[in-house]
Amino acid sequence: MPITCKACSICRDSVEQALERVNLPYTHSQSGSTSIYTVNITSPTTWNPNSLAKLCWNKLEFPYHQAKRSGNTIQCTNV
């Protein structure tokens, strides 16, 4: 199951630049002013709790708003 990242128009550019900087393939769609990025990697629920990936997921934040997580989705609190 892929990971979904939802960002408002303020956070959108930073999220897109970060995905491109680490060379992660993603798809992008738009719903109103919300940008939705889908990254086709395994679900965070399947990661070892002590793995670097899980630690990074838990610390992932948006530049202008707080992060809200639910299952495979992370979104800024402004969407």
PDB file of N, CA and C in Angstrom:
ATOM      1  N   MET A   1       0.842  -1.177   0.000  1.00  0.00           N
ATOM      2  CA  MET A   1       0.000   0.000   0.000  1.00  0.00           C
ATOM      3  C   MET A   1       0.892   1.247   0.000  1.00  0.00           C
ATOM      4  N   PRO A   2       0.663   2.185  -0.885  1.00  0.00           N
ATOM      5  CA  PRO A   2       1.525   3.368  -0.989  1.00  0.00           C
ATOM      6  C   PRO A   2       1.311   4.358   0.155  1.00  0.00           C
ATOM      7  N   ILE A   3       2.268   5.243   0.297  1.00  0.00           N
ATOM      8  CA  ILE A   3       2.188   6.324   1.276  1.00  0.00           C
ATOM      9  C   ILE A   3       1.634   7.553   0.573  1.00  0.00           C
ATOM     10  N   THR A   4       0.750   8.266   1.241  1.00  0.00           N
ATOM     11  CA  THR A   4       0.170   9.482   0.694  1.00  0.00           C
ATOM     12  C   THR A   4       0.582  10.666   1.555  1.00  0.00           C
ATOM     13  N   CYS A   5       0.976  11.731   0.893  1.00  0.00           N
ATOM     14  CA  CYS A   5       1.358  12.965   1.569  1.00  0.00           C
ATOM     15  C   CYS A   5       0.476  14.079   1.025  1.00  0.00           C
ATOM     16  N   LYS A   6      -0.260  14.732   1.905  1.00  0.00           N
ATOM     17  CA  LYS A   6      -1.152  15.822   1.492  1.00  0.00           C
ATOM     18  C   LYS A   6      -0.582  17.137   2.012  1.00  0.00           C
ATOM     19  N   ALA A   7      -0.465  18.105   1.119  1.00  0.00           N
ATOM     20  CA  ALA A   7       0.126  19.389   1.486  1.00  0.00           C
ATOM     21  C   ALA A   7      -0.734  20.541   0.989  1.00  0.00           C
ATOM     22  N   CYS A   8      -0.782  21.592   1.778  1.00  0.00           N
ATOM     23  CA  CYS A   8      -1.506  22.798   1.370  1.00  0.00           C
ATOM     24  C   CYS A   8      -0.664  23.562   0.349  1.00  0.00           C
ATOM     25  N   SER A   9      -1.230  24.615  -0.192  1.00  0.00           N
ATOM     26  CA  SER A   9      -0.516  25.391  -1.212  1.00  0.00           C
ATOM     27  C   SER A   9       0.741  26.053  -0.659  1.00  0.00           C
ATOM     28  N   ILE A  10       0.802  26.282   0.641  1.00  0.00           N
ATOM     29  CA  ILE A  10       1.981  26.893   1.256  1.00  0.00           C
ATOM     30  C   ILE A  10       3.114  25.874   1.386  1.00  0.00           C
ATOM     31  N   CYS A  11       2.802  24.637   1.767  1.00  0.00           N
ATOM     32  CA  CYS A  11       3.815  23.593   1.986  1.00  0.00           C
ATOM     33  C   CYS A  11       4.171  22.830   0.713  1.00  0.00           C
ATOM     34  N   ARG A  12       3.340  22.928  -0.306  1.00  0.00           N
ATOM     35  CA  ARG A  12       3.464  22.115  -1.525  1.00  0.00           C
ATOM     36  C   ARG A  12       4.857  22.135  -2.143  1.00  0.00           C
ATOM     37  N   ASP A  13       5.421  23.307  -2.382  1.00  0.00           N
ATOM     38  CA  ASP A  13       6.717  23.389  -3.057  1.00  0.00           C
ATOM     39  C   ASP A  13       7.817  22.708  -2.258  1.00  0.00           C
ATOM     40  N   SER A  14       7.794  22.865  -0.934  1.00  0.00           N
ATOM     41  CA  SER A  14       8.812  22.236  -0.090  1.00  0.00           C
ATOM     42  C   SER A  14       8.714  20.721  -0.135  1.00  0.00           C
ATOM     43  N   VAL A  15       7.491  20.200  -0.136  1.00  0.00           N
ATOM     44  CA  VAL A  15       7.294  18.749  -0.196  1.00  0.00           C
ATOM     45  C   VAL A  15       7.799  18.212  -1.532  1.00  0.00           C
ATOM     46  N   GLU A  16       7.425  18.868  -2.607  1.00  0.00           N
ATOM     47  CA  GLU A  16       7.840  18.416  -3.936  1.00  0.00           C
ATOM     48  C   GLU A  16       9.363  18.467  -4.089  1.00  0.00           C
ATOM     49  N   GLN A  17       9.984  19.531  -3.609  1.00  0.00           N
ATOM     50  CA  GLN A  17      11.444  19.648  -3.682  1.00  0.00           C
ATOM     51  C   GLN A  17      12.125  18.557  -2.866  1.00  0.00           C
ATOM     52  N   ALA A  18      11.573  18.239  -1.689  1.00  0.00           N
ATOM     53  CA  ALA A  18      12.157  17.190  -0.852  1.00  0.00           C
ATOM     54  C   ALA A  18      12.071  15.829  -1.534  1.00  0.00           C
ATOM     55  N   LEU A  19      10.935  15.523  -2.155  1.00  0.00           N
ATOM     56  CA  LEU A  19      10.788  14.247  -2.862  1.00  0.00           C
ATOM     57  C   LEU A  19      11.766  14.158  -4.030  1.00  0.00           C
ATOM     58  N   GLU A  20      11.932  15.251  -4.747  1.00  0.00           N
ATOM     59  CA  GLU A  20      12.857  15.259  -5.884  1.00  0.00           C
ATOM     60  C   GLU A  20      14.311  15.198  -5.427  1.00  0.00           C
ATOM     61  N   ARG A  21      14.615  15.847  -4.303  1.00  0.00           N
ATOM     62  CA  ARG A  21      15.988  15.857  -3.785  1.00  0.00           C
ATOM     63  C   ARG A  21      16.469  14.448  -3.439  1.00  0.00           C
ATOM     64  N   VAL A  22      15.577  13.620  -2.879  1.00  0.00           N
ATOM     65  CA  VAL A  22      15.957  12.249  -2.524  1.00  0.00           C
ATOM     66  C   VAL A  22      15.648  11.261  -3.644  1.00  0.00           C
ATOM     67  N   ASN A  23      15.187  11.793  -4.784  1.00  0.00           N
ATOM     68  CA  ASN A  23      14.954  10.990  -5.981  1.00  0.00           C
ATOM     69  C   ASN A  23      13.920   9.880  -5.769  1.00  0.00           C
ATOM     70  N   LEU A  24      12.871  10.195  -5.019  1.00  0.00           N
ATOM     71  CA  LEU A  24      11.782   9.236  -4.828  1.00  0.00           C
ATOM     72  C   LEU A  24      10.758   9.415  -5.940  1.00  0.00           C
ATOM     73  N   PRO A  25      10.441   8.360  -6.662  1.00  0.00           N
ATOM     74  CA  PRO A  25       9.394   8.484  -7.678  1.00  0.00           C
ATOM     75  C   PRO A  25       8.029   8.655  -6.994  1.00  0.00           C
ATOM     76  N   TYR A  26       7.234   9.568  -7.510  1.00  0.00           N
ATOM     77  CA  TYR A  26       5.936   9.846  -6.917  1.00  0.00           C
ATOM     78  C   TYR A  26       4.957  10.269  -7.999  1.00  0.00           C
ATOM     79  N   THR A  27       3.679  10.184  -7.662  1.00  0.00           N
ATOM     80  CA  THR A  27       2.653  10.756  -8.530  1.00  0.00           C
ATOM     81  C   THR A  27       2.054  11.939  -7.787  1.00  0.00           C
ATOM     82  N   HIS A  28       1.540  12.882  -8.552  1.00  0.00           N
ATOM     83  CA  HIS A  28       0.990  14.101  -7.968  1.00  0.00           C
ATOM     84  C   HIS A  28      -0.410  14.336  -8.514  1.00  0.00           C
ATOM     85  N   SER A  29      -1.319  14.657  -7.625  1.00  0.00           N
ATOM     86  CA  SER A  29      -2.660  15.061  -8.049  1.00  0.00           C
ATOM     87  C   SER A  29      -3.083  16.257  -7.202  1.00  0.00           C
ATOM     88  N   GLN A  30      -4.151  16.881  -7.617  1.00  0.00           N
ATOM     89  CA  GLN A  30      -4.615  18.099  -6.960  1.00  0.00           C
ATOM     90  C   GLN A  30      -6.093  17.952  -6.643  1.00  0.00           C
ATOM     91  N   SER A  31      -6.489  18.382  -5.453  1.00  0.00           N
ATOM     92  CA  SER A  31      -7.896  18.432  -5.072  1.00  0.00           C
ATOM     93  C   SER A  31      -8.130  19.800  -4.441  1.00  0.00           C
ATOM     94  N   GLY A  32      -8.648  20.719  -5.226  1.00  0.00           N
ATOM     95  CA  GLY A  32      -8.774  22.097  -4.754  1.00  0.00           C
ATOM     96  C   GLY A  32      -7.389  22.685  -4.552  1.00  0.00           C
ATOM     97  N   SER A  33      -7.118  23.209  -3.360  1.00  0.00           N
ATOM     98  CA  SER A  33      -5.792  23.767  -3.077  1.00  0.00           C
ATOM     99  C   SER A  33      -4.870  22.749  -2.411  1.00  0.00           C
ATOM    100  N   THR A  34      -5.334  21.509  -2.263  1.00  0.00           N
ATOM    101  CA  THR A  34      -4.530  20.457  -1.644  1.00  0.00           C
ATOM    102  C   THR A  34      -3.779  19.665  -2.706  1.00  0.00           C
ATOM    103  N   SER A  35      -2.466  19.555  -2.522  1.00  0.00           N
ATOM    104  CA  SER A  35      -1.644  18.709  -3.387  1.00  0.00           C
ATOM    105  C   SER A  35      -1.496  17.354  -2.725  1.00  0.00           C
ATOM    106  N   ILE A  36      -1.662  16.303  -3.503  1.00  0.00           N
ATOM    107  CA  ILE A  36      -1.588  14.940  -2.984  1.00  0.00           C
ATOM    108  C   ILE A  36      -0.453  14.220  -3.700  1.00  0.00           C
ATOM    109  N   TYR A  37       0.527  13.785  -2.918  1.00  0.00           N
ATOM    110  CA  TYR A  37       1.683  13.066  -3.451  1.00  0.00           C
ATOM    111  C   TYR A  37       1.574  11.615  -3.002  1.00  0.00           C
ATOM    112  N   THR A  38       1.715  10.702  -3.934  1.00  0.00           N
ATOM    113  CA  THR A  38       1.665   9.281  -3.627  1.00  0.00           C
ATOM    114  C   THR A  38       3.020   8.675  -3.939  1.00  0.00           C
ATOM    115  N   VAL A  39       3.596   8.022  -2.931  1.00  0.00           N
ATOM    116  CA  VAL A  39       4.898   7.371  -3.068  1.00  0.00           C
ATOM    117  C   VAL A  39       4.661   5.875  -2.920  1.00  0.00           C
ATOM    118  N   ASN A  40       5.047   5.107  -3.922  1.00  0.00           N
ATOM    119  CA  ASN A  40       4.766   3.678  -3.933  1.00  0.00           C
ATOM    120  C   ASN A  40       5.850   2.905  -3.182  1.00  0.00           C
ATOM    121  N   ILE A  41       5.782   2.967  -1.845  1.00  0.00           N
ATOM    122  CA  ILE A  41       6.668   2.183  -0.984  1.00  0.00           C
ATOM    123  C   ILE A  41       5.796   1.478   0.051  1.00  0.00           C
ATOM    124  N   THR A  42       6.374   0.552   0.778  1.00  0.00           N
ATOM    125  CA  THR A  42       5.590  -0.212   1.752  1.00  0.00           C
ATOM    126  C   THR A  42       5.063   0.683   2.868  1.00  0.00           C
ATOM    127  N   SER A  43       4.025   0.237   3.484  1.00  0.00           N
ATOM    128  CA  SER A  43       3.352   0.977   4.546  1.00  0.00           C
ATOM    129  C   SER A  43       4.228   1.127   5.784  1.00  0.00           C
ATOM    130  N   PRO A  44       4.172   2.281   6.454  1.00  0.00           N
ATOM    131  CA  PRO A  44       4.921   2.464   7.698  1.00  0.00           C
ATOM    132  C   PRO A  44       4.542   1.453   8.776  1.00  0.00           C
ATOM    133  N   THR A  45       3.341   0.904   8.707  1.00  0.00           N
ATOM    134  CA  THR A  45       2.928  -0.078   9.711  1.00  0.00           C
ATOM    135  C   THR A  45       3.702  -1.386   9.584  1.00  0.00           C
ATOM    136  N   THR A  46       4.349  -1.618   8.437  1.00  0.00           N
ATOM    137  CA  THR A  46       5.119  -2.853   8.248  1.00  0.00           C
ATOM    138  C   THR A  46       6.589  -2.677   8.613  1.00  0.00           C
ATOM    139  N   TRP A  47       7.017  -1.452   8.885  1.00  0.00           N
ATOM    140  CA  TRP A  47       8.425  -1.197   9.183  1.00  0.00           C
ATOM    141  C   TRP A  47       8.767  -1.597  10.613  1.00  0.00           C
ATOM    142  N   ASN A  48       9.992  -2.052  10.803  1.00  0.00           N
ATOM    143  CA  ASN A  48      10.503  -2.341  12.135  1.00  0.00           C
ATOM    144  C   ASN A  48      10.468  -1.042  12.941  1.00  0.00           C
ATOM    145  N   PRO A  49       9.941  -1.073  14.171  1.00  0.00           N
ATOM    146  CA  PRO A  49       9.828   0.157  14.960  1.00  0.00           C
ATOM    147  C   PRO A  49      11.172   0.835  15.236  1.00  0.00           C
ATOM    148  N   ASN A  50      12.261   0.082  15.165  1.00  0.00           N
ATOM    149  CA  ASN A  50      13.583   0.648  15.430  1.00  0.00           C
ATOM    150  C   ASN A  50      14.348   0.993  14.158  1.00  0.00           C
ATOM    151  N   SER A  51      13.708   0.856  13.001  1.00  0.00           N
ATOM    152  CA  SER A  51      14.400   1.116  11.737  1.00  0.00           C
ATOM    153  C   SER A  51      14.551   2.616  11.498  1.00  0.00           C
ATOM    154  N   LEU A  52      15.532   2.959  10.688  1.00  0.00           N
ATOM    155  CA  LEU A  52      15.759   4.355  10.328  1.00  0.00           C
ATOM    156  C   LEU A  52      14.546   4.925   9.601  1.00  0.00           C
ATOM    157  N   ALA A  53      13.938   4.128   8.723  1.00  0.00           N
ATOM    158  CA  ALA A  53      12.758   4.588   7.989  1.00  0.00           C
ATOM    159  C   ALA A  53      11.631   4.965   8.952  1.00  0.00           C
ATOM    160  N   LYS A  54      11.377   4.130   9.944  1.00  0.00           N
ATOM    161  CA  LYS A  54      10.306   4.398  10.913  1.00  0.00           C
ATOM    162  C   LYS A  54      10.631   5.635  11.747  1.00  0.00           C
ATOM    163  N   LEU A  55      11.885   5.775  12.154  1.00  0.00           N
ATOM    164  CA  LEU A  55      12.283   6.953  12.929  1.00  0.00           C
ATOM    165  C   LEU A  55      12.113   8.224  12.105  1.00  0.00           C
ATOM    166  N   CYS A  56      12.487   8.176  10.831  1.00  0.00           N
ATOM    167  CA  CYS A  56      12.327   9.339   9.949  1.00  0.00           C
ATOM    168  C   CYS A  56      10.849   9.667   9.741  1.00  0.00           C
ATOM    169  N   TRP A  57      10.028   8.654   9.527  1.00  0.00           N
ATOM    170  CA  TRP A  57       8.587   8.858   9.339  1.00  0.00           C
ATOM    171  C   TRP A  57       7.989   9.554  10.566  1.00  0.00           C
ATOM    172  N   ASN A  58       8.397   9.108  11.755  1.00  0.00           N
ATOM    173  CA  ASN A  58       7.860   9.687  12.984  1.00  0.00           C
ATOM    174  C   ASN A  58       8.320  11.125  13.203  1.00  0.00           C
ATOM    175  N   LYS A  59       9.462  11.497  12.645  1.00  0.00           N
ATOM    176  CA  LYS A  59      10.007  12.855  12.817  1.00  0.00           C
ATOM    177  C   LYS A  59       9.681  13.776  11.645  1.00  0.00           C
ATOM    178  N   LEU A  60       9.083  13.246  10.596  1.00  0.00           N
ATOM    179  CA  LEU A  60       8.787  14.036   9.404  1.00  0.00           C
ATOM    180  C   LEU A  60       7.828  15.169   9.740  1.00  0.00           C
ATOM    181  N   GLU A  61       8.192  16.376   9.335  1.00  0.00           N
ATOM    182  CA  GLU A  61       7.367  17.557   9.592  1.00  0.00           C
ATOM    183  C   GLU A  61       7.239  18.386   8.323  1.00  0.00           C
ATOM    184  N   PHE A  62       6.297  19.274   8.312  1.00  0.00           N
ATOM    185  CA  PHE A  62       6.118  20.217   7.217  1.00  0.00           C
ATOM    186  C   PHE A  62       6.779  21.532   7.603  1.00  0.00           C
ATOM    187  N   PRO A  63       7.207  22.325   6.614  1.00  0.00           N
ATOM    188  CA  PRO A  63       7.955  23.543   6.941  1.00  0.00           C
ATOM    189  C   PRO A  63       7.116  24.625   7.624  1.00  0.00           C
ATOM    190  N   TYR A  64       5.828  24.686   7.338  1.00  0.00           N
ATOM    191  CA  TYR A  64       5.009  25.785   7.855  1.00  0.00           C
ATOM    192  C   TYR A  64       3.884  25.343   8.784  1.00  0.00           C
ATOM    193  N   HIS A  65       3.524  24.073   8.754  1.00  0.00           N
ATOM    194  CA  HIS A  65       2.415  23.576   9.572  1.00  0.00           C
ATOM    195  C   HIS A  65       2.816  22.263  10.235  1.00  0.00           C
ATOM    196  N   GLN A  66       2.093  21.875  11.252  1.00  0.00           N
ATOM    197  CA  GLN A  66       2.376  20.610  11.914  1.00  0.00           C
ATOM    198  C   GLN A  66       1.893  19.445  11.060  1.00  0.00           C
ATOM    199  N   ALA A  67       2.466  18.283  11.316  1.00  0.00           N
ATOM    200  CA  ALA A  67       2.097  17.076  10.574  1.00  0.00           C
ATOM    201  C   ALA A  67       1.045  16.291  11.353  1.00  0.00           C
ATOM    202  N   LYS A  68       0.116  15.731  10.604  1.00  0.00           N
ATOM    203  CA  LYS A  68      -0.913  14.855  11.167  1.00  0.00           C
ATOM    204  C   LYS A  68      -0.799  13.526  10.428  1.00  0.00           C
ATOM    205  N   ARG A  69      -0.682  12.426  11.169  1.00  0.00           N
ATOM    206  CA  ARG A  69      -0.518  11.106  10.572  1.00  0.00           C
ATOM    207  C   ARG A  69      -1.747  10.244  10.839  1.00  0.00           C
ATOM    208  N   SER A  70      -2.075   9.439   9.846  1.00  0.00           N
ATOM    209  CA  SER A  70      -3.150   8.466   9.991  1.00  0.00           C
ATOM    210  C   SER A  70      -2.856   7.315   9.040  1.00  0.00           C
ATOM    211  N   GLY A  71      -2.450   6.179   9.594  1.00  0.00           N
ATOM    212  CA  GLY A  71      -2.121   5.020   8.759  1.00  0.00           C
ATOM    213  C   GLY A  71      -1.008   5.328   7.789  1.00  0.00           C
ATOM    214  N   ASN A  72      -1.302   5.250   6.489  1.00  0.00           N
ATOM    215  CA  ASN A  72      -0.304   5.482   5.439  1.00  0.00           C
ATOM    216  C   ASN A  72      -0.291   6.928   4.958  1.00  0.00           C
ATOM    217  N   THR A  73      -1.000   7.814   5.644  1.00  0.00           N
ATOM    218  CA  THR A  73      -1.113   9.200   5.196  1.00  0.00           C
ATOM    219  C   THR A  73      -0.491  10.154   6.196  1.00  0.00           C
ATOM    220  N   ILE A  74       0.241  11.120   5.656  1.00  0.00           N
ATOM    221  CA  ILE A  74       0.730  12.239   6.453  1.00  0.00           C
ATOM    222  C   ILE A  74       0.264  13.502   5.747  1.00  0.00           C
ATOM    223  N   GLN A  75      -0.215  14.464   6.520  1.00  0.00           N
ATOM    224  CA  GLN A  75      -0.683  15.698   5.901  1.00  0.00           C
ATOM    225  C   GLN A  75      -0.388  16.874   6.818  1.00  0.00           C
ATOM    226  N   CYS A  76      -0.266  18.042   6.215  1.00  0.00           N
ATOM    227  CA  CYS A  76      -0.090  19.235   7.042  1.00  0.00           C
ATOM    228  C   CYS A  76      -1.452  19.606   7.617  1.00  0.00           C
ATOM    229  N   THR A  77      -1.439  20.270   8.756  1.00  0.00           N
ATOM    230  CA  THR A  77      -2.690  20.580   9.450  1.00  0.00           C
ATOM    231  C   THR A  77      -3.479  21.692   8.771  1.00  0.00           C
ATOM    232  N   ASN A  78      -2.972  22.213   7.658  1.00  0.00           N
ATOM    233  CA  ASN A  78      -3.665  23.279   6.939  1.00  0.00           C
ATOM    234  C   ASN A  78      -4.508  22.745   5.773  1.00  0.00           C
ATOM    235  N   VAL A  79      -4.595  21.416   5.611  1.00  0.00           N
ATOM    236  CA  VAL A  79      -5.423  20.861   4.528  1.00  0.00           C
ATOM    237  C   VAL A  79      -6.710  20.304   5.100  1.00  0.00           C
TER     238      VAL A  79
END
